[in-house]
């Protein structure tokens, strides 16, 4: 009788252990095999297109208001259970600037990469003024410049130019980098700009919403903000 009781107890413990493992490993939805991330999503300011193929995933986002926000791309990886999509977002475009004869201001245009959504890219105008004196007569683009919404810190080395820019209002725009080439007469700069940050989205158990965060920089100290979406 004692042997039977011990055997029954052992079986009961085994069954309980098996049920616990199953409960822990059972996901709310089979994200990896059913490509649940695949599709269009709507957030407060963007429409996102996410393409999933198993654990491989990428996407793009388009602002509801192209004059206030820029479109961009999402590239990242899925967690082992498929519930978290995290990686880096990026935005880019071109810039073309003309330096005034006195070297104290510039004017020009910039474009925003439309990710193939429009036949022609969105174009905007730029006007900037120099802060301080010209530091190097041979590299007149070098210095700090202010436009209507950003501060540019540019460094010219012959015909090469690089730098960064910071918006006055970090809540409505992101900082970024700029690279370009200067014409032989030193008057025209043509180049590209890029903005990047990190993101992390967590999908709900029913696969219809995600809750997430993003940063506007790639540093560990970057401030996070919320980015949530609903499947369309």
Protein backbone atom coordinates (compact mmCIF):
# COMPACT_ATOMS: atom_id res chain seq x y z
CA UNK A 1 0.00 0.00 0.00
CA UNK A 2 2.85 2.34 0.89
CA UNK A 3 4.51 1.59 -2.45
CA UNK A 4 1.33 2.40 -4.36
CA UNK A 5 0.90 5.71 -2.50
CA UNK A 6 4.49 6.73 -3.22
CA UNK A 7 4.11 5.85 -6.90
CA UNK A 8 0.87 7.81 -7.13
CA UNK A 9 2.51 10.80 -5.44
CA UNK A 10 5.41 10.68 -7.89
CA UNK A 11 3.03 10.63 -10.87
CA UNK A 12 1.06 13.57 -9.43
CA UNK A 13 4.25 15.63 -8.99
CA UNK A 14 5.31 14.78 -12.55
CA UNK A 15 1.95 15.86 -13.96
CA UNK A 16 2.03 19.12 -12.03
CA UNK A 17 5.56 19.86 -13.24
CA UNK A 18 4.55 19.17 -16.84
CA UNK A 19 1.54 21.46 -16.63
CA UNK A 20 3.68 24.27 -15.18
CA UNK A 21 6.21 24.04 -18.01
CA UNK A 22 3.44 24.04 -20.58
CA UNK A 23 1.82 27.10 -19.02
CA UNK A 24 5.10 28.99 -18.99
CA UNK A 25 6.08 28.12 -22.55
CA UNK A 26 2.67 28.53 -24.16
CA UNK A 27 2.56 31.94 -25.89
CA UNK A 28 -0.56 34.04 -26.23
CA UNK A 29 -0.24 33.76 -30.02
CA UNK A 30 2.15 31.97 -32.40
CA UNK A 31 3.97 35.14 -33.50
CA UNK A 32 6.91 33.56 -35.31
CA UNK A 33 5.06 30.99 -37.41
CA UNK A 34 2.02 33.13 -38.24
CA UNK A 35 3.96 36.35 -39.03
CA UNK A 36 1.65 38.31 -36.76
CA UNK A 37 3.71 41.52 -37.11
CA UNK A 38 3.08 41.55 -40.87
CA UNK A 39 0.73 44.34 -41.96
CA UNK A 40 -0.20 48.00 -41.55
CA UNK A 41 -0.38 49.72 -38.17
CA UNK A 42 -1.63 53.14 -37.10
CA UNK A 43 -0.03 55.18 -34.34
CA UNK A 44 -0.87 58.69 -33.20
CA UNK A 45 1.29 60.45 -35.84
CA UNK A 46 2.33 57.72 -38.30
CA UNK A 47 1.15 54.81 -40.41
CA UNK A 48 3.59 51.91 -40.20
CA UNK A 49 4.12 49.11 -42.70
CA UNK A 50 5.84 46.14 -41.03
CA UNK A 51 7.04 43.11 -42.99
CA UNK A 52 7.80 39.91 -41.08
CA UNK A 53 9.20 36.64 -42.40
CA UNK A 54 9.65 34.40 -39.39
CA UNK A 55 12.26 36.07 -37.18
CA UNK A 56 13.31 38.48 -39.96
CA UNK A 57 11.54 41.83 -39.79
CA UNK A 58 11.73 45.38 -41.16
CA UNK A 59 9.39 48.22 -41.92
CA UNK A 60 8.73 51.85 -42.76
CA UNK A 61 6.61 54.66 -41.38
CA UNK A 62 4.82 57.59 -43.02
CA UNK A 63 3.68 60.67 -41.09
CA UNK A 64 0.06 61.75 -41.18
CA UNK A 65 1.34 65.32 -41.68
CA UNK A 66 4.36 65.39 -44.03
CA UNK A 67 5.01 69.08 -43.28
CA UNK A 68 5.51 68.37 -39.57
CA UNK A 69 7.20 64.95 -39.57
CA UNK A 70 9.48 62.89 -41.81
CA UNK A 71 9.03 59.34 -43.10
CA UNK A 72 11.61 56.69 -42.29
CA UNK A 73 12.61 53.06 -42.03
CA UNK A 74 12.58 50.47 -39.24
CA UNK A 75 15.23 47.76 -39.08
CA UNK A 76 15.59 45.31 -36.23
CA UNK A 77 15.15 41.83 -34.84
CA UNK A 78 12.53 39.84 -32.98
CA UNK A 79 12.97 38.39 -29.51
CA UNK A 80 13.06 34.59 -29.19
CA UNK A 81 9.33 34.40 -28.47
CA UNK A 82 8.54 36.93 -31.23
CA UNK A 83 6.79 39.34 -28.88
CA UNK A 84 9.32 42.19 -29.10
CA UNK A 85 10.48 43.96 -32.27
CA UNK A 86 13.42 46.26 -31.50
CA UNK A 87 16.09 48.00 -33.53
CA UNK A 88 16.98 51.33 -35.14
CA UNK A 89 14.81 53.82 -37.01
CA UNK A 90 16.36 56.14 -39.61
CA UNK A 91 15.29 59.15 -41.66
CA UNK A 92 17.21 60.79 -44.49
CA UNK A 93 17.19 63.24 -47.35
CA UNK A 94 19.29 65.61 -49.43
CA UNK A 95 20.37 69.21 -48.91
CA UNK A 96 21.66 71.90 -51.31
CA UNK A 97 22.90 75.24 -49.92
CA UNK A 98 24.29 78.41 -51.50
CA UNK A 99 26.64 80.66 -49.50
CA UNK A 100 26.13 84.42 -49.65
CA UNK A 101 28.95 86.56 -51.08
CA UNK A 102 29.82 87.92 -47.64
CA UNK A 103 29.91 84.41 -46.11
CA UNK A 104 27.46 85.42 -43.36
CA UNK A 105 24.36 83.49 -44.52
CA UNK A 106 23.18 80.67 -46.73
CA UNK A 107 19.95 79.69 -48.44
CA UNK A 108 18.84 76.52 -50.16
CA UNK A 109 16.54 73.54 -50.23
CA UNK A 110 16.27 70.14 -48.62
CA UNK A 111 14.33 67.01 -49.50
CA UNK A 112 12.81 64.24 -47.42
CA UNK A 113 13.09 60.61 -48.53
CA UNK A 114 9.52 59.50 -49.24
CA UNK A 115 10.28 55.75 -49.18
CA UNK A 116 8.81 55.46 -52.68
CA UNK A 117 5.37 56.65 -51.58
CA UNK A 118 5.40 59.74 -53.81
CA UNK A 119 6.73 60.34 -57.31
CA UNK A 120 8.62 63.43 -56.14
CA UNK A 121 10.24 63.90 -52.71
CA UNK A 122 8.90 66.53 -50.32
CA UNK A 123 11.05 69.68 -50.68
CA UNK A 124 11.53 72.46 -48.13
CA UNK A 125 13.54 75.69 -48.05
CA UNK A 126 16.39 76.52 -45.66
CA UNK A 127 17.81 79.92 -44.66
CA UNK A 128 20.63 80.21 -42.16
CA UNK A 129 22.79 82.94 -40.62
CA UNK A 130 26.29 82.65 -39.17
CA UNK A 131 26.95 83.11 -35.47
CA UNK A 132 30.26 84.82 -34.79
CA UNK A 133 33.10 85.67 -37.13
CA UNK A 134 34.40 83.48 -39.97
CA UNK A 135 36.95 81.25 -38.16
CA UNK A 136 38.88 80.14 -41.26
CA UNK A 137 39.06 82.20 -44.44
CA UNK A 138 39.99 79.09 -46.45
CA UNK A 139 37.03 77.07 -45.11
CA UNK A 140 34.22 79.60 -44.98
CA UNK A 141 31.49 77.03 -44.22
CA UNK A 142 33.10 76.15 -40.88
CA UNK A 143 31.20 77.52 -37.90
CA UNK A 144 27.85 77.65 -36.14
CA UNK A 145 24.76 78.56 -38.12
CA UNK A 146 21.14 79.12 -37.10
CA UNK A 147 18.06 78.50 -39.22
CA UNK A 148 14.44 79.04 -38.26
CA UNK A 149 14.26 75.75 -36.35
CA UNK A 150 17.79 74.32 -35.91
CA UNK A 151 21.38 75.05 -34.97
CA UNK A 152 24.00 73.67 -37.39
CA UNK A 153 27.62 73.04 -36.41
CA UNK A 154 29.57 72.60 -39.65
CA UNK A 155 33.20 71.78 -40.38
CA UNK A 156 34.70 72.30 -43.82
CA UNK A 157 37.99 70.73 -44.92
CA UNK A 158 38.67 71.84 -48.46
CA UNK A 159 35.82 70.46 -50.55
CA UNK A 160 34.49 68.14 -47.83
CA UNK A 161 31.91 69.18 -45.25
CA UNK A 162 30.48 67.39 -42.22
CA UNK A 163 28.56 68.39 -39.14
CA UNK A 164 25.52 68.02 -36.95
CA UNK A 165 22.30 69.86 -36.27
CA UNK A 166 20.07 70.22 -33.23
CA UNK A 167 16.43 71.42 -33.34
CA UNK A 168 15.31 74.16 -30.98
CA UNK A 169 12.34 72.00 -29.96
CA UNK A 170 13.42 68.39 -29.32
CA UNK A 171 9.78 67.40 -28.74
CA UNK A 172 8.82 68.07 -32.36
CA UNK A 173 12.03 67.21 -34.24
CA UNK A 174 15.20 65.14 -33.94
CA UNK A 175 18.93 65.95 -34.04
CA UNK A 176 20.95 64.58 -36.93
CA UNK A 177 24.13 64.48 -38.99
CA UNK A 178 24.99 66.17 -42.28
CA UNK A 179 27.66 65.33 -44.87
CA UNK A 180 28.40 66.99 -48.16
CA UNK A 181 30.80 68.33 -50.77
CA UNK A 182 31.70 71.94 -51.56
CA UNK A 183 31.93 73.26 -55.10
CA UNK A 184 35.32 74.45 -56.38
CA UNK A 185 34.38 78.10 -55.94
CA UNK A 186 33.28 77.39 -52.34
CA UNK A 187 29.78 78.76 -52.90
CA UNK A 188 27.61 75.62 -53.13
CA UNK A 189 27.27 72.69 -50.73
CA UNK A 190 25.39 69.54 -51.72
CA UNK A 191 24.97 66.59 -49.41
CA UNK A 192 22.72 64.39 -47.32
CA UNK A 193 21.26 64.44 -43.83
CA UNK A 194 20.32 61.53 -41.59
CA UNK A 195 18.48 61.13 -38.29
CA UNK A 196 18.50 57.93 -36.23
CA UNK A 197 17.28 56.52 -32.95
CA UNK A 198 16.23 53.29 -31.29
CA UNK A 199 12.82 51.69 -30.83
CA UNK A 200 11.27 48.70 -29.07
CA UNK A 201 7.71 47.45 -29.73
CA UNK A 202 5.93 44.75 -27.70
CA UNK A 203 2.97 43.04 -29.36
CA UNK A 204 -0.20 42.22 -27.42
CA UNK A 205 -1.40 38.66 -26.83
CA UNK A 206 -4.08 39.00 -29.52
CA UNK A 207 -1.61 40.44 -32.05
CA UNK A 208 -3.73 43.54 -32.69
CA UNK A 209 -1.81 46.26 -30.84
CA UNK A 210 1.73 47.07 -29.76
CA UNK A 211 3.11 49.20 -26.95
CA UNK A 212 6.58 50.61 -27.36
CA UNK A 213 9.16 53.30 -26.84
CA UNK A 214 11.68 55.16 -28.98
CA UNK A 215 14.66 57.48 -28.56
CA UNK A 216 15.97 60.20 -30.85
CA UNK A 217 19.62 59.27 -30.26
CA UNK A 218 21.76 56.13 -30.19
CA UNK A 219 23.38 56.91 -26.83
CA UNK A 220 22.58 55.06 -23.60
CA UNK A 221 21.49 58.33 -21.97
CA UNK A 222 18.92 59.10 -24.69
CA UNK A 223 15.46 60.03 -23.41
CA UNK A 224 12.67 57.58 -24.27
CA UNK A 225 9.13 58.43 -25.35
CA UNK A 226 6.11 56.25 -26.09
CA UNK A 227 5.21 54.87 -29.54
CA UNK A 228 2.06 52.72 -29.59
CA UNK A 229 0.11 51.29 -32.51
CA UNK A 230 -3.07 49.49 -33.56
CA UNK A 231 -3.27 47.03 -36.47
CA UNK A 232 -5.30 48.35 -39.40
